[in-house]
Amino acid sequence: MGALLCRTYEDFATLTPSDTVDDPAGCMMGLLVTAAGTLKVRTRSGKDFSLPAVVVGQEIHVPVIRVWSTGTSATVLGLIGAPYFGKSG
Protein backbone atom coordinates (compact mmCIF):
# COMPACT_ATOMS: atom_id res chain seq x y z
CA MET A 1 0.00 0.00 0.00
CA GLY A 2 1.30 3.46 -0.89
CA ALA A 3 2.01 6.25 1.57
CA LEU A 4 -0.74 8.76 2.24
CA LEU A 5 -0.09 12.44 2.78
CA CYS A 6 -1.96 13.96 5.70
CA ARG A 7 -2.24 17.74 5.96
CA THR A 8 -3.73 19.21 9.12
CA TYR A 9 -3.95 22.75 10.51
CA GLU A 10 -4.55 24.10 14.01
CA ASP A 11 -7.88 25.85 13.35
CA PHE A 12 -10.22 27.64 10.94
CA ALA A 13 -10.99 31.37 10.83
CA THR A 14 -13.87 33.23 9.24
CA LEU A 15 -12.42 35.80 6.86
CA THR A 16 -13.78 39.28 6.18
CA PRO A 17 -13.32 40.24 2.52
CA SER A 18 -12.09 43.82 2.09
CA ASP A 19 -10.69 46.03 -0.65
CA THR A 20 -8.91 48.33 1.80
CA VAL A 21 -7.42 46.39 4.75
CA ASP A 22 -5.75 43.06 5.41
CA ASP A 23 -7.77 40.55 7.43
CA PRO A 24 -7.70 41.39 11.17
CA ALA A 25 -7.22 37.67 11.98
CA GLY A 26 -3.73 37.92 10.45
CA CYS A 27 -1.99 35.77 7.89
CA MET A 28 -3.75 32.52 7.00
CA MET A 29 -1.54 29.59 6.00
CA GLY A 30 -4.10 28.67 3.37
CA LEU A 31 -7.79 28.74 2.48
CA LEU A 32 -10.61 26.20 2.27
CA VAL A 33 -13.33 26.95 -0.30
CA THR A 34 -16.85 26.49 1.14
CA ALA A 35 -18.83 28.02 -1.77
CA ALA A 36 -17.62 27.98 -5.38
CA GLY A 37 -16.92 31.09 -7.40
CA THR A 38 -14.15 33.55 -8.18
CA LEU A 39 -11.46 34.41 -5.64
CA LYS A 40 -9.03 37.32 -5.43
CA VAL A 41 -6.37 37.22 -2.72
CA ARG A 42 -3.24 39.04 -1.55
CA THR A 43 -0.40 36.75 -0.50
CA ARG A 44 1.87 37.28 2.48
CA SER A 45 4.52 38.59 0.04
CA GLY A 46 2.09 41.30 -1.16
CA LYS A 47 1.18 39.87 -4.57
CA ASP A 48 -2.44 39.89 -5.73
CA PHE A 49 -3.87 36.89 -7.57
CA SER A 50 -7.26 36.18 -9.12
CA LEU A 51 -8.49 32.60 -9.33
CA PRO A 52 -11.39 32.46 -11.79
CA ALA A 53 -13.07 29.18 -10.78
CA VAL A 54 -12.46 27.72 -7.32
CA VAL A 55 -14.63 24.77 -6.27
CA VAL A 56 -16.11 23.58 -2.98
CA GLY A 57 -13.58 21.62 -0.96
CA GLN A 58 -10.57 23.07 -2.78
CA GLU A 59 -7.65 24.04 -0.55
CA ILE A 60 -5.39 26.94 -1.46
CA HIS A 61 -1.95 26.27 0.07
CA VAL A 62 -0.46 29.76 -0.06
CA PRO A 63 -0.17 32.18 2.90
CA VAL A 64 -2.88 34.83 2.45
CA ILE A 65 -3.31 38.18 4.22
CA ARG A 66 -6.36 39.49 2.34
CA VAL A 67 -9.38 38.20 0.48
CA TRP A 68 -10.60 40.99 -1.77
CA SER A 69 -14.26 41.96 -1.76
CA THR A 70 -14.18 43.07 -5.39
CA GLY A 71 -13.38 40.10 -7.59
CA THR A 72 -14.51 37.49 -5.05
CA SER A 73 -17.79 35.60 -5.22
CA ALA A 74 -16.54 32.42 -3.49
CA THR A 75 -16.72 31.86 0.26
CA VAL A 76 -13.61 30.64 2.06
CA LEU A 77 -12.37 29.78 5.54
CA GLY A 78 -8.83 30.62 6.64
CA LEU A 79 -6.54 27.77 7.66
CA ILE A 80 -4.55 28.72 10.77
CA GLY A 81 -1.14 27.36 11.73
CA ALA A 82 1.57 25.54 9.86
CA PRO A 83 0.46 22.30 8.23
CA TYR A 84 1.63 19.01 9.67
CA PHE A 85 2.66 16.45 7.09
CA GLY A 86 2.54 12.81 8.18
CA LYS A 87 2.65 9.49 6.38
CA SER A 88 0.69 6.39 7.09
CA GLY A 89 -0.17 3.19 5.35
C-alpha atoms as a PDB file:
ATOM      1  CA  MET A   1       0.000   0.000   0.000  1.00  0.00           C
ATOM      2  CA  GLY A   2       1.299   3.460  -0.890  1.00  0.00           C
ATOM      3  CA  ALA A   3       2.010   6.246   1.572  1.00  0.00           C
ATOM      4  CA  LEU A   4      -0.743   8.758   2.239  1.00  0.00           C
ATOM      5  CA  LEU A   5      -0.090  12.442   2.780  1.00  0.00           C
ATOM      6  CA  CYS A   6      -1.963  13.963   5.698  1.00  0.00           C
ATOM      7  CA  ARG A   7      -2.242  17.744   5.960  1.00  0.00           C
ATOM      8  CA  THR A   8      -3.726  19.213   9.125  1.00  0.00           C
ATOM      9  CA  TYR A   9      -3.949  22.746  10.507  1.00  0.00           C
ATOM     10  CA  GLU A  10      -4.551  24.095  14.009  1.00  0.00           C
ATOM     11  CA  ASP A  11      -7.877  25.846  13.354  1.00  0.00           C
ATOM     12  CA  PHE A  12     -10.218  27.636  10.945  1.00  0.00           C
ATOM     13  CA  ALA A  13     -10.987  31.366  10.828  1.00  0.00           C
ATOM     14  CA  THR A  14     -13.870  33.233   9.244  1.00  0.00           C
ATOM     15  CA  LEU A  15     -12.418  35.803   6.863  1.00  0.00           C
ATOM     16  CA  THR A  16     -13.779  39.277   6.177  1.00  0.00           C
ATOM     17  CA  PRO A  17     -13.317  40.245   2.518  1.00  0.00           C
ATOM     18  CA  SER A  18     -12.090  43.818   2.086  1.00  0.00           C
ATOM     19  CA  ASP A  19     -10.695  46.026  -0.654  1.00  0.00           C
ATOM     20  CA  THR A  20      -8.913  48.325   1.801  1.00  0.00           C
ATOM     21  CA  VAL A  21      -7.417  46.386   4.748  1.00  0.00           C
ATOM     22  CA  ASP A  22      -5.746  43.057   5.409  1.00  0.00           C
ATOM     23  CA  ASP A  23      -7.767  40.550   7.432  1.00  0.00           C
ATOM     24  CA  PRO A  24      -7.697  41.394  11.169  1.00  0.00           C
ATOM     25  CA  ALA A  25      -7.221  37.673  11.981  1.00  0.00           C
ATOM     26  CA  GLY A  26      -3.734  37.923  10.455  1.00  0.00           C
ATOM     27  CA  CYS A  27      -1.993  35.771   7.890  1.00  0.00           C
ATOM     28  CA  MET A  28      -3.748  32.515   7.001  1.00  0.00           C
ATOM     29  CA  MET A  29      -1.540  29.586   6.003  1.00  0.00           C
ATOM     30  CA  GLY A  30      -4.104  28.669   3.369  1.00  0.00           C
ATOM     31  CA  LEU A  31      -7.792  28.742   2.479  1.00  0.00           C
ATOM     32  CA  LEU A  32     -10.606  26.200   2.273  1.00  0.00           C
ATOM     33  CA  VAL A  33     -13.326  26.954  -0.299  1.00  0.00           C
ATOM     34  CA  THR A  34     -16.852  26.489   1.142  1.00  0.00           C
ATOM     35  CA  ALA A  35     -18.828  28.024  -1.768  1.00  0.00           C
ATOM     36  CA  ALA A  36     -17.618  27.976  -5.378  1.00  0.00           C
ATOM     37  CA  GLY A  37     -16.917  31.091  -7.401  1.00  0.00           C
ATOM     38  CA  THR A  38     -14.151  33.548  -8.176  1.00  0.00           C
ATOM     39  CA  LEU A  39     -11.463  34.412  -5.639  1.00  0.00           C
ATOM     40  CA  LYS A  40      -9.030  37.322  -5.434  1.00  0.00           C
ATOM     41  CA  VAL A  41      -6.372  37.222  -2.719  1.00  0.00           C
ATOM     42  CA  ARG A  42      -3.245  39.038  -1.548  1.00  0.00           C
ATOM     43  CA  THR A  43      -0.403  36.749  -0.502  1.00  0.00           C
ATOM     44  CA  ARG A  44       1.875  37.283   2.483  1.00  0.00           C
ATOM     45  CA  SER A  45       4.516  38.587   0.041  1.00  0.00           C
ATOM     46  CA  GLY A  46       2.092  41.303  -1.159  1.00  0.00           C
ATOM     47  CA  LYS A  47       1.180  39.875  -4.566  1.00  0.00           C
ATOM     48  CA  ASP A  48      -2.443  39.891  -5.726  1.00  0.00           C
ATOM     49  CA  PHE A  49      -3.868  36.886  -7.571  1.00  0.00           C
ATOM     50  CA  SER A  50      -7.262  36.181  -9.125  1.00  0.00           C
ATOM     51  CA  LEU A  51      -8.486  32.597  -9.326  1.00  0.00           C
ATOM     52  CA  PRO A  52     -11.392  32.461 -11.794  1.00  0.00           C
ATOM     53  CA  ALA A  53     -13.067  29.182 -10.782  1.00  0.00           C
ATOM     54  CA  VAL A  54     -12.457  27.721  -7.324  1.00  0.00           C
ATOM     55  CA  VAL A  55     -14.633  24.768  -6.272  1.00  0.00           C
ATOM     56  CA  VAL A  56     -16.110  23.583  -2.980  1.00  0.00           C
ATOM     57  CA  GLY A  57     -13.584  21.618  -0.957  1.00  0.00           C
ATOM     58  CA  GLN A  58     -10.573  23.066  -2.779  1.00  0.00           C
ATOM     59  CA  GLU A  59      -7.652  24.039  -0.549  1.00  0.00           C
ATOM     60  CA  ILE A  60      -5.390  26.943  -1.463  1.00  0.00           C
ATOM     61  CA  HIS A  61      -1.954  26.268   0.066  1.00  0.00           C
ATOM     62  CA  VAL A  62      -0.461  29.760  -0.059  1.00  0.00           C
ATOM     63  CA  PRO A  63      -0.166  32.176   2.904  1.00  0.00           C
ATOM     64  CA  VAL A  64      -2.884  34.832   2.453  1.00  0.00           C
ATOM     65  CA  ILE A  65      -3.314  38.182   4.219  1.00  0.00           C
ATOM     66  CA  ARG A  66      -6.358  39.492   2.340  1.00  0.00           C
ATOM     67  CA  VAL A  67      -9.376  38.202   0.481  1.00  0.00           C
ATOM     68  CA  TRP A  68     -10.596  40.993  -1.767  1.00  0.00           C
ATOM     69  CA  SER A  69     -14.265  41.956  -1.756  1.00  0.00           C
ATOM     70  CA  THR A  70     -14.177  43.075  -5.388  1.00  0.00           C
ATOM     71  CA  GLY A  71     -13.376  40.096  -7.585  1.00  0.00           C
ATOM     72  CA  THR A  72     -14.509  37.495  -5.050  1.00  0.00           C
ATOM     73  CA  SER A  73     -17.794  35.599  -5.223  1.00  0.00           C
ATOM     74  CA  ALA A  74     -16.540  32.425  -3.491  1.00  0.00           C
ATOM     75  CA  THR A  75     -16.722  31.860   0.265  1.00  0.00           C
ATOM     76  CA  VAL A  76     -13.612  30.636   2.064  1.00  0.00           C
ATOM     77  CA  LEU A  77     -12.371  29.783   5.542  1.00  0.00           C
ATOM     78  CA  GLY A  78      -8.834  30.618   6.639  1.00  0.00           C
ATOM     79  CA  LEU A  79      -6.538  27.767   7.661  1.00  0.00           C
ATOM     80  CA  ILE A  80      -4.548  28.717  10.769  1.00  0.00           C
ATOM     81  CA  GLY A  81      -1.144  27.358  11.729  1.00  0.00           C
ATOM     82  CA  ALA A  82       1.565  25.543   9.858  1.00  0.00           C
ATOM     83  CA  PRO A  83       0.461  22.299   8.230  1.00  0.00           C
ATOM     84  CA  TYR A  84       1.626  19.005   9.675  1.00  0.00           C
ATOM     85  CA  PHE A  85       2.659  16.450   7.090  1.00  0.00           C
ATOM     86  CA  GLY A  86       2.542  12.811   8.177  1.00  0.00           C
ATOM     87  CA  LYS A  87       2.646   9.493   6.382  1.00  0.00           C
ATOM     88  CA  SER A  88       0.690   6.390   7.092  1.00  0.00           C
ATOM     89  CA  GLY A  89      -0.168   3.188   5.352  1.00  0.00           C
END
